[in-house]
C-alpha cells in the first residue's frame, strides 16, 4: 500500500482493508462447512441439488444416522476401493457434517 496523502486516501485504504478482510472471513467460513467441499472429485458439487441437500431435509435423528453410516462405510472399506488416504478423508468429511448437525442442538 502506498502512503496516504489525504484524509480521503486514509479512509479509502481503511475501507479497502475492511472489505478484503470481510471477503476473507466469508470465504473462510464457506470452506469450513462440510457442504462447501468434496473429497475425490466434483461430481456432487456439480449437481444443482446435492444428495446432502436432500438428506438435510430429513429429521434430526435420521440425519445423524445417515452421516454416522457414511463415515462408517468409508472406514470399513478403507483401501478396498479408493486409496486409504482418500477413504479416510471421505470418512472425516462425513464426520465434519455430522458435527455440524450435532451442533444444531446445542
Protein backbone atom coordinates (compact mmCIF):
# COMPACT_ATOMS: atom_id res chain seq x y z
CA UNK A 1 0.00 0.00 0.00
CA UNK A 2 1.14 3.50 -0.72
CA UNK A 3 1.32 6.16 1.94
CA UNK A 4 -1.94 8.09 2.14
CA UNK A 5 -1.75 11.71 1.05
CA UNK A 6 -5.16 12.94 2.13
CA UNK A 7 -7.81 12.07 4.65
CA UNK A 8 -9.82 10.55 1.79
CA UNK A 9 -6.86 8.29 0.94
CA UNK A 10 -6.72 7.12 4.55
CA UNK A 11 -10.46 6.43 4.51
CA UNK A 12 -10.28 4.57 1.18
CA UNK A 13 -7.34 2.41 2.32
CA UNK A 14 -9.14 1.54 5.56
CA UNK A 15 -12.34 0.77 3.66
CA UNK A 16 -10.44 -1.43 1.17
CA UNK A 17 -8.72 -3.33 4.00
CA UNK A 18 -12.04 -3.89 5.78
CA UNK A 19 -13.67 -5.12 2.56
CA UNK A 20 -10.79 -7.54 1.91
CA UNK A 21 -10.99 -8.85 5.48
CA UNK A 22 -14.77 -9.31 5.19
CA UNK A 23 -14.34 -11.28 1.94
CA UNK A 24 -11.58 -13.39 3.52
CA UNK A 25 -13.76 -14.24 6.52
CA UNK A 26 -16.70 -15.05 4.27
CA UNK A 27 -14.57 -17.41 2.17
CA UNK A 28 -13.02 -18.95 5.29
CA UNK A 29 -16.50 -19.65 6.70
CA UNK A 30 -17.65 -21.18 3.42
CA UNK A 31 -14.65 -23.50 3.28
CA UNK A 32 -15.26 -24.60 6.85
CA UNK A 33 -18.70 -26.04 6.11
CA UNK A 34 -18.79 -29.65 5.00
CA UNK A 35 -21.19 -28.84 2.16
CA UNK A 36 -18.69 -26.40 0.65
CA UNK A 37 -16.17 -29.10 -0.20
CA UNK A 38 -15.98 -32.53 -1.74
CA UNK A 39 -13.33 -35.25 -1.47
CA UNK A 40 -12.46 -37.13 -4.65
CA UNK A 41 -13.88 -35.03 -7.46
CA UNK A 42 -16.70 -32.60 -8.15
CA UNK A 43 -19.49 -34.96 -9.21
CA UNK A 44 -21.73 -33.95 -6.28
CA UNK A 45 -20.77 -30.27 -6.26
CA UNK A 46 -21.67 -30.08 -9.97
CA UNK A 47 -25.28 -31.10 -9.26
CA UNK A 48 -27.97 -28.48 -8.83
CA UNK A 49 -29.19 -30.32 -5.73
CA UNK A 50 -26.61 -32.41 -3.90
CA UNK A 51 -27.53 -35.60 -2.03
CA UNK A 52 -26.67 -33.90 1.27
CA UNK A 53 -29.16 -31.13 0.43
CA UNK A 54 -31.88 -33.80 0.34
CA UNK A 55 -30.64 -35.52 3.49
CA UNK A 56 -30.67 -32.16 5.28
CA UNK A 57 -34.46 -32.02 4.81
CA UNK A 58 -34.83 -35.15 6.96
CA UNK A 59 -35.42 -35.16 10.69
CA UNK A 60 -32.58 -34.71 13.15
CA UNK A 61 -32.21 -38.39 14.14
CA UNK A 62 -32.32 -39.58 10.53
CA UNK A 63 -29.58 -37.12 9.53
CA UNK A 64 -27.39 -38.25 12.43
CA UNK A 65 -27.81 -41.88 11.38
CA UNK A 66 -27.05 -41.13 7.74
CA UNK A 67 -23.86 -39.20 8.44
CA UNK A 68 -22.67 -41.77 11.01
CA UNK A 69 -23.33 -44.53 8.49
CA UNK A 70 -21.46 -42.68 5.75
CA UNK A 71 -18.39 -42.28 7.96
CA UNK A 72 -18.56 -45.94 8.99
CA UNK A 73 -18.79 -47.05 5.36
CA UNK A 74 -15.57 -45.28 4.42
CA UNK A 75 -13.71 -46.53 7.49
CA UNK A 76 -14.85 -50.11 6.92
CA UNK A 77 -13.92 -50.23 3.22
CA UNK A 78 -10.62 -48.39 3.71
CA UNK A 79 -8.18 -49.29 0.95
CA UNK A 80 -10.59 -51.56 -0.90
CA UNK A 81 -11.99 -49.09 -3.43
CA UNK A 82 -10.03 -45.82 -3.32
CA UNK A 83 -6.65 -45.33 -1.73
CA UNK A 84 -6.63 -45.40 2.06
CA UNK A 85 -5.88 -41.72 2.48
CA UNK A 86 -8.79 -40.71 0.29
CA UNK A 87 -11.09 -43.14 2.10
CA UNK A 88 -10.04 -41.62 5.43
CA UNK A 89 -10.62 -38.11 4.06
CA UNK A 90 -14.12 -39.11 2.98
CA UNK A 91 -14.84 -40.54 6.44
CA UNK A 92 -13.62 -37.31 8.03
CA UNK A 93 -15.83 -35.33 5.65
CA UNK A 94 -18.89 -37.25 6.84
CA UNK A 95 -17.82 -36.72 10.46
CA UNK A 96 -17.47 -32.98 9.83
CA UNK A 97 -21.02 -32.93 8.51
CA UNK A 98 -22.19 -34.99 11.49
CA UNK A 99 -20.61 -32.46 13.85
CA UNK A 100 -22.43 -29.62 12.09
CA UNK A 101 -25.75 -31.44 12.57
CA UNK A 102 -25.00 -32.21 16.23
CA UNK A 103 -24.17 -28.54 16.87
CA UNK A 104 -27.69 -27.60 15.77
CA UNK A 105 -28.99 -28.91 19.11
CA UNK A 106 -26.52 -27.00 21.28
